[in-house]
Protein backbone atom coordinates (compact mmCIF):
# COMPACT_ATOMS: atom_id res chain seq x y z
CA MET A 1 -157.72 -14.30 -4.52
CA TRP A 2 -154.84 -14.44 -1.98
CA PRO A 3 -151.81 -16.28 -3.45
CA GLN A 4 -151.97 -20.34 -2.54
CA MET A 5 -148.12 -20.58 -1.35
CA GLY A 6 -146.61 -22.80 1.00
CA GLU A 7 -145.38 -20.14 3.22
CA GLU A 8 -142.69 -21.34 5.72
CA ASN A 9 -140.64 -23.49 3.00
CA LEU A 10 -141.48 -21.46 -0.24
CA THR A 11 -137.97 -20.94 -1.06
CA ASP A 12 -137.44 -25.01 -1.54
CA SER A 13 -139.60 -25.48 -4.46
CA VAL A 14 -137.20 -23.33 -6.40
CA GLU A 15 -133.74 -24.14 -7.01
CA SER A 16 -132.12 -22.47 -9.41
CA ASN A 17 -129.85 -24.66 -12.38
CA SER A 18 -126.24 -23.83 -11.30
CA THR A 19 -126.26 -25.18 -7.41
CA VAL A 20 -128.01 -26.76 -4.90
CA CYS A 21 -127.59 -24.62 -1.39
CA SER A 22 -127.82 -25.56 1.87
CA PRO A 23 -131.54 -25.90 3.46
CA ILE A 24 -132.07 -23.80 6.77
CA ASP A 25 -134.18 -26.73 8.14
CA ASP A 26 -132.04 -26.29 11.67
CA PHE A 27 -132.61 -22.47 11.99
CA ARG A 28 -136.03 -22.35 10.54
CA ASN A 29 -137.52 -25.69 12.87
CA GLN A 30 -136.23 -23.40 15.73
CA VAL A 31 -137.12 -19.76 14.95
CA TYR A 32 -140.96 -21.57 14.33
CA SER A 33 -141.37 -23.90 17.47
CA THR A 34 -140.05 -20.86 19.49
CA SER A 35 -142.19 -17.80 18.09
CA TYR A 36 -145.31 -19.77 17.35
CA SER A 37 -145.15 -21.33 20.72
CA PHE A 38 -144.70 -17.46 22.47
CA ILE A 39 -147.62 -15.82 20.28
CA THR A 40 -149.72 -18.86 21.04
CA LEU A 41 -149.26 -18.22 24.83
CA LEU A 42 -149.68 -14.66 24.56
CA GLY A 43 -152.38 -14.71 22.03
CA LEU A 44 -154.93 -17.41 24.38
CA VAL A 45 -154.19 -15.09 27.15
CA GLY A 46 -154.62 -11.91 25.69
CA ASN A 47 -157.24 -12.17 23.42
CA GLY A 48 -159.10 -14.90 25.54
CA PHE A 49 -158.93 -12.30 28.03
CA ALA A 50 -160.58 -9.77 26.14
CA LEU A 51 -163.61 -11.88 24.60
CA VAL A 52 -164.80 -12.45 28.27
CA VAL A 53 -164.36 -9.08 28.65
CA LEU A 54 -166.46 -8.35 26.07
CA ILE A 55 -169.12 -10.54 25.76
CA ARG A 56 -169.40 -10.84 30.19
CA THR A 57 -170.61 -6.91 29.47
CA HIS A 58 -172.26 -6.85 26.17
CA ARG A 59 -175.51 -5.12 27.23
CA GLN A 60 -173.35 -2.29 26.79
CA SER A 61 -172.69 -2.71 23.27
CA SER A 62 -171.49 -0.39 20.62
CA PRO A 63 -170.26 -0.19 17.27
CA PHE A 64 -166.61 -0.29 18.24
CA HIS A 65 -167.23 -2.78 20.88
CA ILE A 66 -168.52 -5.29 17.67
CA TYR A 67 -165.78 -4.83 15.81
CA MET A 68 -163.52 -5.58 18.70
CA LEU A 69 -165.35 -8.78 19.53
CA ASN A 70 -165.20 -9.83 15.82
CA LEU A 71 -161.17 -9.50 15.84
CA ALA A 72 -161.05 -11.07 19.12
CA VAL A 73 -162.44 -14.22 17.94
CA SER A 74 -160.43 -14.21 14.89
CA ASP A 75 -157.32 -13.53 16.75
CA LEU A 76 -158.41 -16.57 19.17
CA LEU A 77 -159.26 -18.93 15.70
CA CYS A 78 -156.23 -18.52 14.40
CA VAL A 79 -153.69 -18.33 17.77
CA MET A 80 -155.43 -22.36 18.21
CA THR A 81 -154.07 -23.50 15.71
CA LEU A 82 -150.22 -22.05 16.63
CA PRO A 83 -149.89 -25.48 17.95
CA LEU A 84 -150.05 -27.70 15.06
CA ARG A 85 -147.20 -25.97 13.11
CA VAL A 86 -145.73 -25.72 16.72
CA LEU A 87 -145.57 -29.78 16.82
CA TYR A 88 -144.64 -30.21 12.73
CA TYR A 89 -141.31 -28.09 13.81
CA VAL A 90 -140.44 -29.91 16.88
CA LYS A 91 -140.87 -32.93 14.59
CA LYS A 92 -138.14 -31.50 11.78
CA GLY A 93 -140.75 -31.11 9.21
CA GLU A 94 -142.66 -34.35 9.69
CA TRP A 95 -146.74 -33.72 9.61
CA ILE A 96 -148.38 -36.69 11.61
CA LEU A 97 -152.28 -34.64 12.35
CA GLY A 98 -153.92 -35.55 8.75
CA ASP A 99 -154.93 -34.04 5.85
CA PHE A 100 -157.57 -31.81 7.28
CA LEU A 101 -155.91 -29.91 9.97
CA CYS A 102 -152.93 -29.14 7.08
CA ARG A 103 -155.33 -27.42 5.20
CA LEU A 104 -156.86 -25.77 8.32
CA SER A 105 -154.10 -25.03 10.16
CA SER A 106 -152.76 -23.00 6.83
CA TYR A 107 -155.91 -21.49 6.19
CA ALA A 108 -156.44 -20.02 9.28
CA LEU A 109 -153.43 -17.88 9.41
CA TYR A 110 -154.30 -15.80 6.28
CA VAL A 111 -157.85 -15.62 7.36
CA ASN A 112 -156.71 -13.82 10.59
CA LEU A 113 -154.21 -11.80 8.79
CA TYR A 114 -156.68 -10.28 6.74
CA CYS A 115 -160.00 -10.32 8.71
CA SER A 116 -157.52 -7.91 11.49
CA ILE A 117 -156.49 -5.29 8.75
CA TYR A 118 -159.87 -4.88 7.84
CA PHE A 119 -161.23 -4.75 10.92
CA MET A 120 -158.90 -2.53 12.07
CA ALA A 121 -160.03 -0.80 8.82
CA ALA A 122 -163.55 -0.55 10.30
CA MET A 123 -162.55 0.52 13.99
CA SER A 124 -160.84 3.49 12.20
CA VAL A 125 -164.02 4.51 9.96
CA THR A 126 -165.88 4.38 13.08
CA ARG A 127 -163.29 6.38 15.44
CA PHE A 128 -163.07 8.75 12.23
CA LEU A 129 -166.46 9.28 12.17
CA ALA A 130 -167.24 9.82 15.72
CA ILE A 131 -164.91 12.38 16.23
CA VAL A 132 -164.64 14.68 12.51
CA PHE A 133 -169.15 14.09 11.86
CA PRO A 134 -169.82 13.25 15.54
CA VAL A 135 -173.50 14.43 14.54
CA GLN A 136 -173.98 12.03 11.61
CA ASN A 137 -172.10 8.92 13.50
CA LEU A 138 -174.70 8.86 15.56
CA ARG A 139 -177.51 7.84 12.79
CA LEU A 140 -174.41 6.56 10.23
CA MET A 141 -172.65 3.85 13.02
CA THR A 142 -175.78 1.85 14.37
CA GLU A 143 -175.16 -1.47 16.06
CA ASN A 144 -176.81 -3.08 13.04
CA ARG A 145 -175.13 -1.87 10.67
CA ALA A 146 -171.73 -2.63 12.55
CA ARG A 147 -172.91 -6.33 12.49
CA LEU A 148 -173.65 -5.88 8.65
CA VAL A 149 -170.17 -4.82 7.94
CA CYS A 150 -168.07 -7.80 10.28
CA LEU A 151 -170.37 -10.08 8.26
CA GLY A 152 -169.42 -9.26 5.28
CA ILE A 153 -165.79 -9.40 5.51
CA TRP A 154 -165.61 -12.54 7.11
CA VAL A 155 -167.69 -13.50 4.12
CA PHE A 156 -165.63 -11.82 1.94
CA ILE A 157 -161.82 -13.37 3.41
CA CYS A 158 -162.69 -16.70 4.44
CA PHE A 159 -164.17 -17.09 0.63
CA SER A 160 -160.95 -14.67 -0.89
CA SER A 161 -158.66 -17.67 1.18
CA SER A 162 -160.73 -20.54 0.27
CA PRO A 163 -157.73 -21.34 -2.00
CA PHE A 164 -155.47 -22.61 1.26
CA LEU A 165 -158.07 -25.35 1.82
CA MET A 166 -157.13 -26.94 -1.88
CA VAL A 167 -153.45 -28.04 -0.63
CA GLY A 168 -152.96 -30.47 2.07
CA GLN A 169 -150.21 -32.70 3.10
CA LYS A 170 -147.88 -33.89 0.90
CA GLN A 171 -146.13 -37.86 1.09
CA VAL A 172 -142.05 -37.53 0.31
CA PRO A 173 -141.50 -40.67 -1.37
CA ASP A 174 -138.21 -41.60 0.35
CA THR A 175 -139.20 -41.50 3.33
CA ASN A 176 -143.17 -42.06 3.50
CA ASN A 177 -143.32 -39.13 5.89
CA PHE A 178 -146.01 -36.48 5.23
CA LYS A 179 -145.18 -32.55 5.10
CA CYS A 180 -147.49 -30.01 5.22
CA PHE A 181 -147.25 -26.11 4.39
CA GLU A 182 -145.95 -27.25 1.15
CA PRO A 183 -144.95 -24.67 -1.80
CA PRO A 184 -146.04 -25.02 -5.62
CA GLN A 185 -144.32 -26.01 -8.04
CA ALA A 186 -141.92 -24.14 -9.65
CA ASP A 187 -144.22 -23.75 -12.93
CA GLY A 188 -146.58 -21.97 -10.82
CA VAL A 189 -144.46 -19.15 -9.75
CA GLN A 190 -145.41 -16.76 -12.06
CA ARG A 191 -149.34 -16.87 -11.57
CA LEU A 192 -148.10 -16.49 -7.85
CA VAL A 193 -146.56 -13.41 -8.33
CA MET A 194 -149.49 -12.22 -10.43
CA LEU A 195 -151.92 -13.71 -7.12
CA ASN A 196 -149.41 -11.66 -5.17
CA TYR A 197 -149.78 -8.02 -6.56
CA LEU A 198 -154.04 -8.33 -6.78
CA SER A 199 -154.11 -9.60 -2.87
CA LEU A 200 -151.55 -6.62 -1.83
CA VAL A 201 -153.69 -4.11 -3.39
CA ILE A 202 -157.19 -5.34 -2.14
CA GLY A 203 -156.12 -6.98 1.29
CA PHE A 204 -153.38 -4.90 2.31
CA LEU A 205 -152.58 -1.21 0.80
CA LEU A 206 -156.44 -0.59 -0.09
CA PRO A 207 -157.88 -0.99 3.77
CA PHE A 208 -154.02 0.39 5.00
CA LEU A 209 -154.95 3.51 2.34
CA VAL A 210 -158.39 4.25 4.38
CA ILE A 211 -156.58 3.30 7.67
CA LEU A 212 -154.14 6.93 6.57
CA LEU A 213 -156.84 8.77 5.26
CA CYS A 214 -158.73 8.26 8.86
CA TYR A 215 -155.76 8.72 10.83
CA ALA A 216 -155.25 12.25 9.03
CA GLY A 217 -158.87 13.74 9.66
CA ILE A 218 -158.51 12.57 13.36
CA ILE A 219 -155.59 14.37 14.25
CA HIS A 220 -156.30 17.48 11.95
CA ALA A 221 -159.38 17.38 13.81
CA LEU A 222 -158.16 16.89 16.78
CA LEU A 223 -155.77 19.84 16.65
CA SER A 224 -157.96 22.12 15.23
CA ARG A 225 -160.80 21.71 18.20
CA LYS A 226 -161.20 24.93 20.02
CA HIS A 227 -160.27 25.60 23.55
CA ALA A 228 -163.87 25.18 24.04
CA ALA A 229 -164.25 21.77 22.47
CA ARG A 230 -162.12 20.59 24.68
CA ARG A 231 -164.33 18.52 27.28
CA ASN A 232 -163.99 15.66 24.30
CA ARG A 233 -160.42 15.15 25.70
CA GLY A 234 -160.87 11.52 26.57
CA SER A 235 -162.10 10.70 23.21
CA GLY A 236 -159.00 12.44 21.37
CA THR A 237 -156.82 10.39 23.80
CA ARG A 238 -158.51 6.99 22.95
CA ALA A 239 -157.91 8.18 19.46
CA ILE A 240 -154.32 9.09 19.72
CA ARG A 241 -153.56 5.72 21.18
CA MET A 242 -155.22 3.91 18.81
CA ILE A 243 -153.67 5.51 15.87
CA VAL A 244 -149.80 4.76 17.56
CA ILE A 245 -151.43 0.86 18.15
CA VAL A 246 -152.34 0.33 14.56
CA LEU A 247 -149.83 1.83 12.85
CA LEU A 248 -147.40 -0.31 14.77
CA THR A 249 -149.00 -3.43 13.92
CA PHE A 250 -148.82 -2.13 10.59
CA LEU A 251 -145.00 -1.09 10.61
CA ILE A 252 -144.20 -4.72 12.64
CA SER A 253 -146.45 -7.31 11.38
CA PHE A 254 -148.08 -6.46 8.49
CA LEU A 255 -145.90 -4.11 6.11
CA PRO A 256 -142.55 -6.43 6.43
CA TYR A 257 -144.46 -9.66 5.38
CA HIS A 258 -146.02 -8.17 2.15
CA ILE A 259 -143.16 -6.24 1.16
CA GLN A 260 -140.69 -9.48 1.71
CA ARG A 261 -143.80 -11.68 0.09
CA THR A 262 -143.56 -9.74 -3.15
CA VAL A 263 -139.59 -9.30 -3.31
CA HIS A 264 -139.29 -12.98 -2.70
CA LEU A 265 -141.95 -13.67 -5.53
CA ASN A 266 -140.35 -11.98 -8.23
CA PHE A 267 -136.74 -13.41 -6.18
CA LEU A 268 -137.96 -16.93 -7.23
CA SER A 269 -138.47 -16.24 -10.55
CA ARG A 270 -134.39 -15.12 -11.17
CA THR A 271 -131.67 -17.47 -12.74
CA ASP A 272 -128.75 -15.91 -11.69
CA THR A 273 -129.26 -15.84 -7.61
CA THR A 274 -126.35 -17.16 -5.10
CA CYS A 275 -126.89 -19.20 -2.32
CA SER A 276 -126.08 -16.03 0.03
CA GLU A 277 -128.84 -14.30 -1.44
CA LYS A 278 -131.16 -17.87 -1.30
CA VAL A 279 -130.39 -18.07 2.10
CA ALA A 280 -130.56 -14.53 3.28
CA MET A 281 -134.42 -14.68 1.33
CA GLN A 282 -135.17 -18.01 3.21
CA LYS A 283 -134.79 -16.56 6.15
CA SER A 284 -136.45 -13.36 5.91
CA VAL A 285 -139.49 -15.56 4.76
CA VAL A 286 -139.36 -17.26 8.49
CA VAL A 287 -138.44 -13.96 10.46
CA THR A 288 -141.54 -11.80 8.52
CA LEU A 289 -143.98 -14.62 8.47
CA CYS A 290 -143.72 -15.18 12.52
CA LEU A 291 -143.62 -10.93 12.53
CA ALA A 292 -147.14 -11.88 10.92
CA ALA A 293 -148.44 -14.32 12.46
CA ALA A 294 -147.46 -11.75 16.04
CA ASN A 295 -150.36 -9.51 14.73
CA SER A 296 -152.58 -10.96 17.30
CA CYS A 297 -150.75 -10.41 20.17
CA PHE A 298 -151.06 -6.96 19.52
CA ASP A 299 -154.79 -6.44 19.01
CA PRO A 300 -155.38 -6.77 23.12
CA LEU A 301 -153.08 -3.70 23.61
CA LEU A 302 -155.82 -2.00 20.79
CA TYR A 303 -158.79 -3.33 23.30
CA PHE A 304 -157.45 -2.25 26.40
CA PHE A 305 -156.08 1.44 25.08
CA SER A 306 -158.15 2.50 22.96
CA GLY A 307 -161.13 0.33 23.44
CA GLU A 308 -164.64 2.49 24.29
CA GLY A 309 -164.78 2.15 27.56
CA PHE A 310 -162.82 -1.27 27.80
CA ARG A 311 -161.14 -0.53 31.04
CA SER A 312 -164.98 0.23 32.59
CA ARG A 313 -166.05 -2.40 31.40
CA MET A 314 -163.42 -4.79 33.11
CA SER A 315 -164.47 -2.50 36.22
CA SER A 316 -167.76 -3.30 36.26
CA LEU A 317 -166.90 -6.80 35.33
CA HIS A 318 -165.03 -6.79 38.66
CA ARG A 319 -167.20 -5.04 40.65
CA SER A 320 -170.16 -7.62 39.49
CA LYS A 321 -168.78 -10.86 40.41
CA SER A 322 -167.65 -9.00 44.15
CA SER A 323 -171.63 -8.07 44.90
CA SER A 324 -172.02 -11.63 43.60
CA GLN A 325 -169.51 -12.85 46.20
CA VAL A 326 -170.64 -10.64 49.34
CA ASP A 327 -174.55 -11.78 48.16
CA ARG A 328 -174.01 -14.89 48.40
CA MET A 329 -171.68 -14.94 51.57
CA LYS A 330 -175.08 -13.10 53.09
CA GLN A 331 -177.03 -16.62 51.88
CA LEU A 332 -174.24 -19.12 53.45
CA LYS A 333 -173.54 -16.99 56.93
CA PRO A 334 -174.82 -19.46 59.28
CA ILE A 335 -177.13 -17.81 62.16
CA THR A 336 -175.76 -17.04 65.52
CA GLY A 337 -177.27 -17.11 69.72
CA SER A 338 -176.95 -13.63 69.36
CA GLU A 339 -179.06 -13.05 65.84
CA SER A 340 -181.25 -15.51 66.76
CA GLY A 341 -182.61 -14.21 69.95
CA GLU A 342 -182.39 -10.63 68.47
CA ASN A 343 -184.56 -12.23 65.69
CA CYS A 344 -186.74 -13.35 68.18
CA GLN A 345 -187.18 -10.82 69.96
CA LEU A 346 -187.72 -8.43 66.69
CA LYS A 347 -190.76 -11.38 65.71
CA SER A 348 -192.06 -11.16 69.67
CA SER A 349 -192.46 -7.09 69.82
CA ASN A 350 -194.17 -7.15 66.18
CA SER A 351 -196.43 -9.49 67.62
CA THR A 352 -197.04 -7.21 70.52
CA THR A 353 -197.50 -4.28 68.12
CA ASN A 354 -200.07 -6.17 66.27
CA ARG A 355 -202.75 -6.96 68.87
CA LEU A 356 -201.81 -3.66 70.71
CA GLY A 357 -202.76 -2.05 67.40
């Protein structure tokens, strides 16, 4: 379903009939290698820590907890493939890791992108029901139903993104080097335009509309609460934090990428473009794709600031570790002479008591 495009190098495939513009290889290699390195580091640390906390406290499970767990897994699967891209751009566009990893690295980025959008939509619906319809929420939002929703999202997104597995590495005839993330040929641009509109509606606009409607309902419910109902201020605070973080993620990561991709594909069908326009468009591809990949760095903020009891999970995990360490210290603590004497006296007095009894 999603447009099958070589995202990093898309503009290289379509040149106008008049002039051939100078490439932006140096800019592209530097920005991608630096950005993906930072995203990998932050994404691994943040989502790895969140995943450990969520798994170790699985007994405190809830539908929101299940969505957070799946979102963290999606982010980790994505950032684990980013070092492959870093190596590719550090080597100035030479792919040395084989055809399978080329397909996998492109596939993983888009699976994460749209899984993140849909998991955020599911989390928003869950929060909406908990605040606006708290009684019905207990019946509607169960853990088993949340697992089924997550399974459906994984199957749908993985299947829809499967075209990215169909295009692998390509060999350059002049140098015999291999390249990855290469664009389609010029005659396939019109097909990509149609596929882009389909993915734009189903993969982005539809879940984003659901999120906006849920947030509108949440804000209306919070503003219309009476003073007596303010004992639930904790859930309202978490909801506000979630609204802010999710909207920032969409405004920074998802929205610029989808707008730029749509404008870019229509730009490629033109034949009257100048070199300055082409260079600007190519650089915008680089910047917006880096922002899209950075969505995995925003999600740990969502867990920490708006997750149901995430910080209490961290505290309980810390307390359990501390208690286990104390227990081990007690077991390993050597018996001193005074303690041995006290134990002997205790045993002697117990035996005397037994005889007198």
